[in-house]
Amino acid sequence: SLKGDTGEGVNEVKKNLMDFLVFRYNTYLDMMIQDSACFNGIDPRQVSGMLIELSRIAEETDKQVIIAINKYQVGEYTETIDFINQKSVITLAEKDKLFKFDF
């Protein structure tokens, strides 16, 4: 239950759940984009589960999901990091810049 708790992470999870439902059931858009800010304050274990669920929805509905996420947001869970690396198209780091821009 998400009732009664007003923490930052719980509020972010509520927002993400609404996004997930729209992504899953909409018939107008075949993609969803989420910035890393969508996962701020959420426990890394929950973020891992959310990413896996989004991937499952995308595969089942033949839609595309694009997510920008920071490594610290998923913790030190090697299984999740491997999953992200397997699904990643672009991985940026301090030395690897997109179009030579600093972000």
PDB file of N, CA and C in Angstrom:
ATOM      1  N   SER A   1       0.835  -1.180   0.000  1.00  0.00           N
ATOM      2  CA  SER A   1       0.000   0.000   0.000  1.00  0.00           C
ATOM      3  C   SER A   1       0.881   1.245   0.000  1.00  0.00           C
ATOM      4  N   LEU A   2       0.502   2.227  -0.769  1.00  0.00           N
ATOM      5  CA  LEU A   2       1.255   3.470  -0.828  1.00  0.00           C
ATOM      6  C   LEU A   2       0.561   4.584  -0.057  1.00  0.00           C
ATOM      7  N   LYS A   3      -0.484   4.263   0.678  1.00  0.00           N
ATOM      8  CA  LYS A   3      -1.221   5.281   1.420  1.00  0.00           C
ATOM      9  C   LYS A   3      -0.483   5.647   2.702  1.00  0.00           C
ATOM     10  N   GLY A   4      -0.609   6.900   3.094  1.00  0.00           N
ATOM     11  CA  GLY A   4      -0.100   7.332   4.386  1.00  0.00           C
ATOM     12  C   GLY A   4       1.339   7.799   4.389  1.00  0.00           C
ATOM     13  N   ASP A   5       2.147   7.364   3.467  1.00  0.00           N
ATOM     14  CA  ASP A   5       3.550   7.770   3.430  1.00  0.00           C
ATOM     15  C   ASP A   5       3.708   8.889   2.417  1.00  0.00           C
ATOM     16  N   THR A   6       4.378   9.954   2.828  1.00  0.00           N
ATOM     17  CA  THR A   6       4.531  11.099   1.922  1.00  0.00           C
ATOM     18  C   THR A   6       5.990  11.333   1.568  1.00  0.00           C
ATOM     19  N   GLY A   7       6.825  10.323   1.709  1.00  0.00           N
ATOM     20  CA  GLY A   7       8.237  10.461   1.386  1.00  0.00           C
ATOM     21  C   GLY A   7       8.454  10.709  -0.096  1.00  0.00           C
ATOM     22  N   GLU A   8       9.621  11.272  -0.422  1.00  0.00           N
ATOM     23  CA  GLU A   8       9.957  11.584  -1.806  1.00  0.00           C
ATOM     24  C   GLU A   8       9.877  10.354  -2.693  1.00  0.00           C
ATOM     25  N   GLY A   9      10.439   9.242  -2.227  1.00  0.00           N
ATOM     26  CA  GLY A   9      10.449   8.025  -3.028  1.00  0.00           C
ATOM     27  C   GLY A   9       9.072   7.493  -3.322  1.00  0.00           C
ATOM     28  N   VAL A  10       8.188   7.537  -2.327  1.00  0.00           N
ATOM     29  CA  VAL A  10       6.827   7.037  -2.514  1.00  0.00           C
ATOM     30  C   VAL A  10       6.092   7.896  -3.537  1.00  0.00           C
ATOM     31  N   ASN A  11       6.254   9.205  -3.454  1.00  0.00           N
ATOM     32  CA  ASN A  11       5.605  10.082  -4.425  1.00  0.00           C
ATOM     33  C   ASN A  11       6.127   9.833  -5.842  1.00  0.00           C
ATOM     34  N   GLU A  12       7.423   9.586  -5.967  1.00  0.00           N
ATOM     35  CA  GLU A  12       8.001   9.296  -7.285  1.00  0.00           C
ATOM     36  C   GLU A  12       7.481   7.966  -7.827  1.00  0.00           C
ATOM     37  N   VAL A  13       7.345   6.982  -6.962  1.00  0.00           N
ATOM     38  CA  VAL A  13       6.806   5.684  -7.393  1.00  0.00           C
ATOM     39  C   VAL A  13       5.378   5.860  -7.895  1.00  0.00           C
ATOM     40  N   LYS A  14       4.571   6.651  -7.179  1.00  0.00           N
ATOM     41  CA  LYS A  14       3.187   6.892  -7.616  1.00  0.00           C
ATOM     42  C   LYS A  14       3.156   7.519  -9.005  1.00  0.00           C
ATOM     43  N   LYS A  15       4.017   8.502  -9.236  1.00  0.00           N
ATOM     44  CA  LYS A  15       4.073   9.146 -10.556  1.00  0.00           C
ATOM     45  C   LYS A  15       4.497   8.145 -11.629  1.00  0.00           C
ATOM     46  N   ASN A  16       5.495   7.337 -11.312  1.00  0.00           N
ATOM     47  CA  ASN A  16       5.978   6.346 -12.273  1.00  0.00           C
ATOM     48  C   ASN A  16       4.923   5.300 -12.586  1.00  0.00           C
ATOM     49  N   LEU A  17       4.172   4.884 -11.588  1.00  0.00           N
ATOM     50  CA  LEU A  17       3.120   3.896 -11.830  1.00  0.00           C
ATOM     51  C   LEU A  17       2.083   4.431 -12.813  1.00  0.00           C
ATOM     52  N   MET A  18       1.755   5.710 -12.690  1.00  0.00           N
ATOM     53  CA  MET A  18       0.816   6.320 -13.639  1.00  0.00           C
ATOM     54  C   MET A  18       1.429   6.320 -15.046  1.00  0.00           C
ATOM     55  N   ASP A  19       2.706   6.674 -15.139  1.00  0.00           N
ATOM     56  CA  ASP A  19       3.390   6.637 -16.436  1.00  0.00           C
ATOM     57  C   ASP A  19       3.381   5.233 -17.028  1.00  0.00           C
ATOM     58  N   PHE A  20       3.618   4.238 -16.177  1.00  0.00           N
ATOM     59  CA  PHE A  20       3.645   2.847 -16.644  1.00  0.00           C
ATOM     60  C   PHE A  20       2.281   2.437 -17.207  1.00  0.00           C
ATOM     61  N   LEU A  21       1.213   2.836 -16.524  1.00  0.00           N
ATOM     62  CA  LEU A  21      -0.134   2.497 -16.989  1.00  0.00           C
ATOM     63  C   LEU A  21      -0.447   3.171 -18.321  1.00  0.00           C
ATOM     64  N   VAL A  22      -0.085   4.433 -18.442  1.00  0.00           N
ATOM     65  CA  VAL A  22      -0.302   5.140 -19.704  1.00  0.00           C
ATOM     66  C   VAL A  22       0.509   4.474 -20.817  1.00  0.00           C
ATOM     67  N   PHE A  23       1.757   4.158 -20.514  1.00  0.00           N
ATOM     68  CA  PHE A  23       2.627   3.493 -21.497  1.00  0.00           C
ATOM     69  C   PHE A  23       2.031   2.156 -21.931  1.00  0.00           C
ATOM     70  N   ARG A  24       1.556   1.404 -20.975  1.00  0.00           N
ATOM     71  CA  ARG A  24       1.032   0.069 -21.264  1.00  0.00           C
ATOM     72  C   ARG A  24      -0.250   0.110 -22.085  1.00  0.00           C
ATOM     73  N   TYR A  25      -1.171   1.021 -21.744  1.00  0.00           N
ATOM     74  CA  TYR A  25      -2.507   0.952 -22.326  1.00  0.00           C
ATOM     75  C   TYR A  25      -2.827   2.009 -23.382  1.00  0.00           C
ATOM     76  N   ASN A  26      -1.955   2.976 -23.599  1.00  0.00           N
ATOM     77  CA  ASN A  26      -2.273   3.987 -24.614  1.00  0.00           C
ATOM     78  C   ASN A  26      -2.176   3.367 -26.007  1.00  0.00           C
ATOM     79  N   THR A  27      -2.936   3.930 -26.922  1.00  0.00           N
ATOM     80  CA  THR A  27      -2.925   3.434 -28.297  1.00  0.00           C
ATOM     81  C   THR A  27      -2.429   4.496 -29.277  1.00  0.00           C
ATOM     82  N   TYR A  28      -1.941   5.614 -28.757  1.00  0.00           N
ATOM     83  CA  TYR A  28      -1.509   6.713 -29.617  1.00  0.00           C
ATOM     84  C   TYR A  28       0.002   6.804 -29.759  1.00  0.00           C
ATOM     85  N   LEU A  29       0.719   6.477 -28.706  1.00  0.00           N
ATOM     86  CA  LEU A  29       2.177   6.579 -28.726  1.00  0.00           C
ATOM     87  C   LEU A  29       2.794   5.200 -28.546  1.00  0.00           C
ATOM     88  N   ASP A  30       3.827   4.937 -29.319  1.00  0.00           N
ATOM     89  CA  ASP A  30       4.510   3.652 -29.233  1.00  0.00           C
ATOM     90  C   ASP A  30       5.823   3.743 -28.478  1.00  0.00           C
ATOM     91  N   MET A  31       5.991   4.820 -27.703  1.00  0.00           N
ATOM     92  CA  MET A  31       7.227   4.961 -26.952  1.00  0.00           C
ATOM     93  C   MET A  31       6.996   5.776 -25.685  1.00  0.00           C
ATOM     94  N   MET A  32       7.940   5.630 -24.760  1.00  0.00           N
ATOM     95  CA  MET A  32       7.943   6.428 -23.534  1.00  0.00           C
ATOM     96  C   MET A  32       9.384   6.796 -23.233  1.00  0.00           C
ATOM     97  N   ILE A  33       9.597   8.032 -22.788  1.00  0.00           N
ATOM     98  CA  ILE A  33      10.924   8.502 -22.423  1.00  0.00           C
ATOM     99  C   ILE A  33      10.887   8.952 -20.972  1.00  0.00           C
ATOM    100  N   GLN A  34      11.836   8.480 -20.183  1.00  0.00           N
ATOM    101  CA  GLN A  34      11.948   8.902 -18.786  1.00  0.00           C
ATOM    102  C   GLN A  34      13.370   9.355 -18.492  1.00  0.00           C
ATOM    103  N   ASP A  35      13.464  10.460 -17.780  1.00  0.00           N
ATOM    104  CA  ASP A  35      14.742  11.001 -17.347  1.00  0.00           C
ATOM    105  C   ASP A  35      15.114  10.380 -16.005  1.00  0.00           C
ATOM    106  N   SER A  36      16.375  10.432 -15.666  1.00  0.00           N
ATOM    107  CA  SER A  36      16.833   9.863 -14.390  1.00  0.00           C
ATOM    108  C   SER A  36      16.150  10.518 -13.200  1.00  0.00           C
ATOM    109  N   ALA A  37      15.669  11.744 -13.335  1.00  0.00           N
ATOM    110  CA  ALA A  37      14.981  12.433 -12.242  1.00  0.00           C
ATOM    111  C   ALA A  37      13.718  11.679 -11.813  1.00  0.00           C
ATOM    112  N   CYS A  38      13.154  10.872 -12.697  1.00  0.00           N
ATOM    113  CA  CYS A  38      11.961  10.089 -12.361  1.00  0.00           C
ATOM    114  C   CYS A  38      12.244   9.038 -11.292  1.00  0.00           C
ATOM    115  N   PHE A  39      13.512   8.761 -11.039  1.00  0.00           N
ATOM    116  CA  PHE A  39      13.880   7.710 -10.095  1.00  0.00           C
ATOM    117  C   PHE A  39      14.557   8.252  -8.835  1.00  0.00           C
ATOM    118  N   ASN A  40      14.596   9.576  -8.687  1.00  0.00           N
ATOM    119  CA  ASN A  40      15.218  10.183  -7.505  1.00  0.00           C
ATOM    120  C   ASN A  40      14.469   9.803  -6.234  1.00  0.00           C
ATOM    121  N   GLY A  41      15.216   9.444  -5.225  1.00  0.00           N
ATOM    122  CA  GLY A  41      14.634   9.136  -3.923  1.00  0.00           C
ATOM    123  C   GLY A  41      14.034   7.756  -3.802  1.00  0.00           C
ATOM    124  N   ILE A  42      14.058   6.973  -4.870  1.00  0.00           N
ATOM    125  CA  ILE A  42      13.486   5.627  -4.839  1.00  0.00           C
ATOM    126  C   ILE A  42      14.589   4.635  -4.505  1.00  0.00           C
ATOM    127  N   ASP A  43      14.292   3.692  -3.640  1.00  0.00           N
ATOM    128  CA  ASP A  43      15.242   2.665  -3.240  1.00  0.00           C
ATOM    129  C   ASP A  43      15.765   1.930  -4.478  1.00  0.00           C
ATOM    130  N   PRO A  44      17.078   1.714  -4.563  1.00  0.00           N
ATOM    131  CA  PRO A  44      17.654   1.035  -5.739  1.00  0.00           C
ATOM    132  C   PRO A  44      17.014  -0.317  -6.058  1.00  0.00           C
ATOM    133  N   ARG A  45      16.592  -1.055  -5.050  1.00  0.00           N
ATOM    134  CA  ARG A  45      15.934  -2.341  -5.324  1.00  0.00           C
ATOM    135  C   ARG A  45      14.628  -2.129  -6.064  1.00  0.00           C
ATOM    136  N   GLN A  46      13.893  -1.072  -5.694  1.00  0.00           N
ATOM    137  CA  GLN A  46      12.631  -0.771  -6.359  1.00  0.00           C
ATOM    138  C   GLN A  46      12.878  -0.269  -7.790  1.00  0.00           C
ATOM    139  N   VAL A  47      13.928   0.544  -7.952  1.00  0.00           N
ATOM    140  CA  VAL A  47      14.281   1.030  -9.290  1.00  0.00           C
ATOM    141  C   VAL A  47      14.586  -0.153 -10.192  1.00  0.00           C
ATOM    142  N   SER A  48      15.328  -1.114  -9.689  1.00  0.00           N
ATOM    143  CA  SER A  48      15.658  -2.305 -10.478  1.00  0.00           C
ATOM    144  C   SER A  48      14.395  -3.016 -10.935  1.00  0.00           C
ATOM    145  N   GLY A  49      13.466  -3.202 -10.025  1.00  0.00           N
ATOM    146  CA  GLY A  49      12.205  -3.857 -10.368  1.00  0.00           C
ATOM    147  C   GLY A  49      11.398  -3.064 -11.377  1.00  0.00           C
ATOM    148  N   MET A  50      11.428  -1.746 -11.240  1.00  0.00           N
ATOM    149  CA  MET A  50      10.693  -0.895 -12.165  1.00  0.00           C
ATOM    150  C   MET A  50      11.267  -0.973 -13.577  1.00  0.00           C
ATOM    151  N   LEU A  51      12.590  -1.008 -13.675  1.00  0.00           N
ATOM    152  CA  LEU A  51      13.230  -1.106 -14.991  1.00  0.00           C
ATOM    153  C   LEU A  51      12.903  -2.430 -15.672  1.00  0.00           C
ATOM    154  N   ILE A  52      12.910  -3.489 -14.906  1.00  0.00           N
ATOM    155  CA  ILE A  52      12.577  -4.806 -15.449  1.00  0.00           C
ATOM    156  C   ILE A  52      11.116  -4.838 -15.908  1.00  0.00           C
ATOM    157  N   GLU A  53      10.236  -4.238 -15.118  1.00  0.00           N
ATOM    158  CA  GLU A  53       8.818  -4.193 -15.484  1.00  0.00           C
ATOM    159  C   GLU A  53       8.603  -3.367 -16.753  1.00  0.00           C
ATOM    160  N   LEU A  54       9.285  -2.239 -16.872  1.00  0.00           N
ATOM    161  CA  LEU A  54       9.174  -1.424 -18.082  1.00  0.00           C
ATOM    162  C   LEU A  54       9.645  -2.197 -19.309  1.00  0.00           C
ATOM    163  N   SER A  55      10.719  -2.932 -19.161  1.00  0.00           N
ATOM    164  CA  SER A  55      11.222  -3.739 -20.264  1.00  0.00           C
ATOM    165  C   SER A  55      10.197  -4.795 -20.667  1.00  0.00           C
ATOM    166  N   ARG A  56       9.588  -5.411 -19.689  1.00  0.00           N
ATOM    167  CA  ARG A  56       8.566  -6.427 -19.957  1.00  0.00           C
ATOM    168  C   ARG A  56       7.367  -5.822 -20.692  1.00  0.00           C
ATOM    169  N   ILE A  57       6.908  -4.657 -20.226  1.00  0.00           N
ATOM    170  CA  ILE A  57       5.782  -3.984 -20.880  1.00  0.00           C
ATOM    171  C   ILE A  57       6.135  -3.648 -22.324  1.00  0.00           C
ATOM    172  N   ALA A  58       7.337  -3.120 -22.530  1.00  0.00           N
ATOM    173  CA  ALA A  58       7.767  -2.739 -23.880  1.00  0.00           C
ATOM    174  C   ALA A  58       7.774  -3.948 -24.812  1.00  0.00           C
ATOM    175  N   GLU A  59       8.285  -5.062 -24.332  1.00  0.00           N
ATOM    176  CA  GLU A  59       8.338  -6.264 -25.165  1.00  0.00           C
ATOM    177  C   GLU A  59       6.950  -6.804 -25.458  1.00  0.00           C
ATOM    178  N   GLU A  60       6.079  -6.825 -24.454  1.00  0.00           N
ATOM    179  CA  GLU A  60       4.724  -7.368 -24.636  1.00  0.00           C
ATOM    180  C   GLU A  60       3.874  -6.511 -25.563  1.00  0.00           C
ATOM    181  N   THR A  61       4.092  -5.207 -25.550  1.00  0.00           N
ATOM    182  CA  THR A  61       3.266  -4.295 -26.336  1.00  0.00           C
ATOM    183  C   THR A  61       3.935  -3.847 -27.633  1.00  0.00           C
ATOM    184  N   ASP A  62       5.154  -4.319 -27.859  1.00  0.00           N
ATOM    185  CA  ASP A  62       5.941  -3.936 -29.027  1.00  0.00           C
ATOM    186  C   ASP A  62       6.121  -2.414 -29.091  1.00  0.00           C
ATOM    187  N   LYS A  63       6.462  -1.833 -27.938  1.00  0.00           N
ATOM    188  CA  LYS A  63       6.719  -0.402 -27.828  1.00  0.00           C
ATOM    189  C   LYS A  63       8.169  -0.205 -27.389  1.00  0.00           C
ATOM    190  N   GLN A  64       8.616   1.040 -27.466  1.00  0.00           N
ATOM    191  CA  GLN A  64       9.983   1.357 -27.088  1.00  0.00           C
ATOM    192  C   GLN A  64       9.989   2.243 -25.848  1.00  0.00           C
ATOM    193  N   VAL A  65      10.888   1.936 -24.926  1.00  0.00           N
ATOM    194  CA  VAL A  65      11.071   2.777 -23.745  1.00  0.00           C
ATOM    195  C   VAL A  65      12.517   3.258 -23.736  1.00  0.00           C
ATOM    196  N   ILE A  66      12.683   4.558 -23.533  1.00  0.00           N
ATOM    197  CA  ILE A  66      14.007   5.169 -23.470  1.00  0.00           C
ATOM    198  C   ILE A  66      14.167   5.764 -22.079  1.00  0.00           C
ATOM    199  N   ILE A  67      15.218   5.339 -21.386  1.00  0.00           N
ATOM    200  CA  ILE A  67      15.430   5.776 -20.004  1.00  0.00           C
ATOM    201  C   ILE A  67      16.850   6.271 -19.837  1.00  0.00           C
ATOM    202  N   ALA A  68      16.977   7.421 -19.216  1.00  0.00           N
ATOM    203  CA  ALA A  68      18.283   7.905 -18.779  1.00  0.00           C
ATOM    204  C   ALA A  68      18.363   7.611 -17.289  1.00  0.00           C
ATOM    205  N   ILE A  69      19.383   6.888 -16.883  1.00  0.00           N
ATOM    206  CA  ILE A  69      19.513   6.518 -15.470  1.00  0.00           C
ATOM    207  C   ILE A  69      20.973   6.573 -15.070  1.00  0.00           C
ATOM    208  N   ASN A  70      21.194   6.910 -13.820  1.00  0.00           N
ATOM    209  CA  ASN A  70      22.546   6.967 -13.267  1.00  0.00           C
ATOM    210  C   ASN A  70      22.843   5.671 -12.532  1.00  0.00           C
ATOM    211  N   LYS A  71      24.081   5.252 -12.582  1.00  0.00           N
ATOM    212  CA  LYS A  71      24.471   3.978 -11.965  1.00  0.00           C
ATOM    213  C   LYS A  71      24.138   3.932 -10.472  1.00  0.00           C
ATOM    214  N   TYR A  72      24.328   5.046  -9.770  1.00  0.00           N
ATOM    215  CA  TYR A  72      24.055   5.054  -8.323  1.00  0.00           C
ATOM    216  C   TYR A  72      22.578   4.812  -8.015  1.00  0.00           C
ATOM    217  N   GLN A  73      21.696   5.049  -8.976  1.00  0.00           N
ATOM    218  CA  GLN A  73      20.266   4.866  -8.740  1.00  0.00           C
ATOM    219  C   GLN A  73      19.854   3.404  -8.714  1.00  0.00           C
ATOM    220  N   VAL A  74      20.708   2.520  -9.213  1.00  0.00           N
ATOM    221  CA  VAL A  74      20.400   1.089  -9.182  1.00  0.00           C
ATOM    222  C   VAL A  74      21.286   0.339  -8.201  1.00  0.00           C
ATOM    223  N   GLY A  75      22.120   1.057  -7.483  1.00  0.00           N
ATOM    224  CA  GLY A  75      22.956   0.433  -6.462  1.00  0.00           C
ATOM    225  C   GLY A  75      24.035  -0.458  -7.050  1.00  0.00           C
ATOM    226  N   GLU A  76      24.503  -1.360  -6.223  1.00  0.00           N
ATOM    227  CA  GLU A  76      25.592  -2.271  -6.619  1.00  0.00           C
ATOM    228  C   GLU A  76      25.075  -3.657  -6.980  1.00  0.00           C
ATOM    229  N   TYR A  77      23.881  -3.710  -7.520  1.00  0.00           N
ATOM    230  CA  TYR A  77      23.290  -4.987  -7.888  1.00  0.00           C
ATOM    231  C   TYR A  77      23.781  -5.392  -9.269  1.00  0.00           C
ATOM    232  N   THR A  78      24.744  -6.303  -9.308  1.00  0.00           N
ATOM    233  CA  THR A  78      25.377  -6.665 -10.581  1.00  0.00           C
ATOM    234  C   THR A  78      24.376  -7.247 -11.575  1.00  0.00           C
ATOM    235  N   GLU A  79      23.380  -7.937 -11.090  1.00  0.00           N
ATOM    236  CA  GLU A  79      22.370  -8.507 -11.980  1.00  0.00           C
ATOM    237  C   GLU A  79      21.616  -7.397 -12.721  1.00  0.00           C
ATOM    238  N   THR A  80      21.270  -6.346 -12.003  1.00  0.00           N
ATOM    239  CA  THR A  80      20.566  -5.216 -12.620  1.00  0.00           C
ATOM    240  C   THR A  80      21.488  -4.444 -13.548  1.00  0.00           C
ATOM    241  N   ILE A  81      22.723  -4.234 -13.135  1.00  0.00           N
ATOM    242  CA  ILE A  81      23.687  -3.525 -13.973  1.00  0.00           C
ATOM    243  C   ILE A  81      23.924  -4.301 -15.264  1.00  0.00           C
ATOM    244  N   ASP A  82      24.026  -5.617 -15.183  1.00  0.00           N
ATOM    245  CA  ASP A  82      24.183  -6.446 -16.382  1.00  0.00           C
ATOM    246  C   ASP A  82      22.960  -6.335 -17.291  1.00  0.00           C
ATOM    247  N   PHE A  83      21.776  -6.331 -16.688  1.00  0.00           N
ATOM    248  CA  PHE A  83      20.525  -6.184 -17.443  1.00  0.00           C
ATOM    249  C   PHE A  83      20.513  -4.850 -18.190  1.00  0.00           C
ATOM    250  N   ILE A  84      20.897  -3.783 -17.506  1.00  0.00           N
ATOM    251  CA  ILE A  84      20.930  -2.453 -18.123  1.00  0.00           C
ATOM    252  C   ILE A  84      21.959  -2.419 -19.250  1.00  0.00           C
ATOM    253  N   ASN A  85      23.135  -2.959 -19.001  1.00  0.00           N
ATOM    254  CA  ASN A  85      24.177  -2.980 -20.045  1.00  0.00           C
ATOM    255  C   ASN A  85      23.724  -3.759 -21.282  1.00  0.00           C
ATOM    256  N   GLN A  86      23.007  -4.836 -21.050  1.00  0.00           N
ATOM    257  CA  GLN A  86      22.507  -5.658 -22.152  1.00  0.00           C
ATOM    258  C   GLN A  86      21.487  -4.881 -22.993  1.00  0.00           C
ATOM    259  N   LYS A  87      20.664  -4.063 -22.346  1.00  0.00           N
ATOM    260  CA  LYS A  87      19.605  -3.327 -23.034  1.00  0.00           C
ATOM    261  C   LYS A  87      20.046  -1.945 -23.523  1.00  0.00           C
ATOM    262  N   SER A  88      21.217  -1.473 -23.099  1.00  0.00           N
ATOM    263  CA  SER A  88      21.656  -0.111 -23.404  1.00  0.00           C
ATOM    264  C   SER A  88      22.073   0.064 -24.851  1.00  0.00           C
ATOM    265  N   VAL A  89      21.765   1.243 -25.363  1.00  0.00           N
ATOM    266  CA  VAL A  89      22.198   1.619 -26.698  1.00  0.00           C
ATOM    267  C   VAL A  89      23.341   2.620 -26.587  1.00  0.00           C
ATOM    268  N   ILE A  90      23.219   3.545 -25.642  1.00  0.00           N
ATOM    269  CA  ILE A  90      24.252   4.552 -25.407  1.00  0.00           C
ATOM    270  C   ILE A  90      24.579   4.556 -23.923  1.00  0.00           C
ATOM    271  N   THR A  91      25.863   4.485 -23.607  1.00  0.00           N
ATOM    272  CA  THR A  91      26.322   4.596 -22.232  1.00  0.00           C
ATOM    273  C   THR A  91      27.290   5.761 -22.161  1.00  0.00           C
ATOM    274  N   LEU A  92      26.968   6.726 -21.323  1.00  0.00           N
ATOM    275  CA  LEU A  92      27.817   7.909 -21.186  1.00  0.00           C
ATOM    276  C   LEU A  92      28.542   7.887 -19.852  1.00  0.00           C
ATOM    277  N   ALA A  93      29.739   8.432 -19.856  1.00  0.00           N
ATOM    278  CA  ALA A  93      30.538   8.580 -18.642  1.00  0.00           C
ATOM    279  C   ALA A  93      31.250   9.922 -18.736  1.00  0.00           C
ATOM    280  N   GLU A  94      32.020  10.250 -17.717  1.00  0.00           N
ATOM    281  CA  GLU A  94      32.733  11.524 -17.712  1.00  0.00           C
ATOM    282  C   GLU A  94      33.618  11.678 -18.943  1.00  0.00           C
ATOM    283  N   LYS A  95      34.233  10.590 -19.373  1.00  0.00           N
ATOM    284  CA  LYS A  95      35.134  10.675 -20.519  1.00  0.00           C
ATOM    285  C   LYS A  95      34.435  10.423 -21.853  1.00  0.00           C
ATOM    286  N   ASP A  96      33.238   9.822 -21.826  1.00  0.00           N
ATOM    287  CA  ASP A  96      32.478   9.545 -23.044  1.00  0.00           C
ATOM    288  C   ASP A  96      31.341  10.544 -23.145  1.00  0.00           C
ATOM    289  N   LYS A  97      31.456  11.486 -24.055  1.00  0.00           N
ATOM    290  CA  LYS A  97      30.473  12.556 -24.148  1.00  0.00           C
ATOM    291  C   LYS A  97      29.625  12.401 -25.405  1.00  0.00           C
ATOM    292  N   LEU A  98      28.357  12.739 -25.272  1.00  0.00           N
ATOM    293  CA  LEU A  98      27.435  12.704 -26.390  1.00  0.00           C
ATOM    294  C   LEU A  98      27.626  13.957 -27.215  1.00  0.00           C
ATOM    295  N   PHE A  99      28.004  13.814 -28.470  1.00  0.00           N
ATOM    296  CA  PHE A  99      28.260  14.937 -29.374  1.00  0.00           C
ATOM    297  C   PHE A  99      29.264  15.931 -28.799  1.00  0.00           C
ATOM    298  N   LYS A 100      30.186  15.437 -27.955  1.00  0.00           N
ATOM    299  CA  LYS A 100      31.252  16.224 -27.344  1.00  0.00           C
ATOM    300  C   LYS A 100      30.725  17.344 -26.439  1.00  0.00           C
ATOM    301  N   PHE A 101      29.519  17.182 -25.895  1.00  0.00           N
ATOM    302  CA  PHE A 101      28.950  18.154 -24.967  1.00  0.00           C
ATOM    303  C   PHE A 101      29.117  17.665 -23.535  1.00  0.00           C
ATOM    304  N   ASP A 102      29.341  18.592 -22.624  1.00  0.00           N
ATOM    305  CA  ASP A 102      29.339  18.280 -21.202  1.00  0.00           C
ATOM    306  C   ASP A 102      27.919  18.381 -20.677  1.00  0.00           C
ATOM    307  N   PHE A 103      27.482  17.388 -19.949  1.00  0.00           N
ATOM    308  CA  PHE A 103      26.147  17.414 -19.354  1.00  0.00           C
ATOM    309  C   PHE A 103      26.255  17.563 -17.870  1.00  0.00           C
TER     310      PHE A 103
END
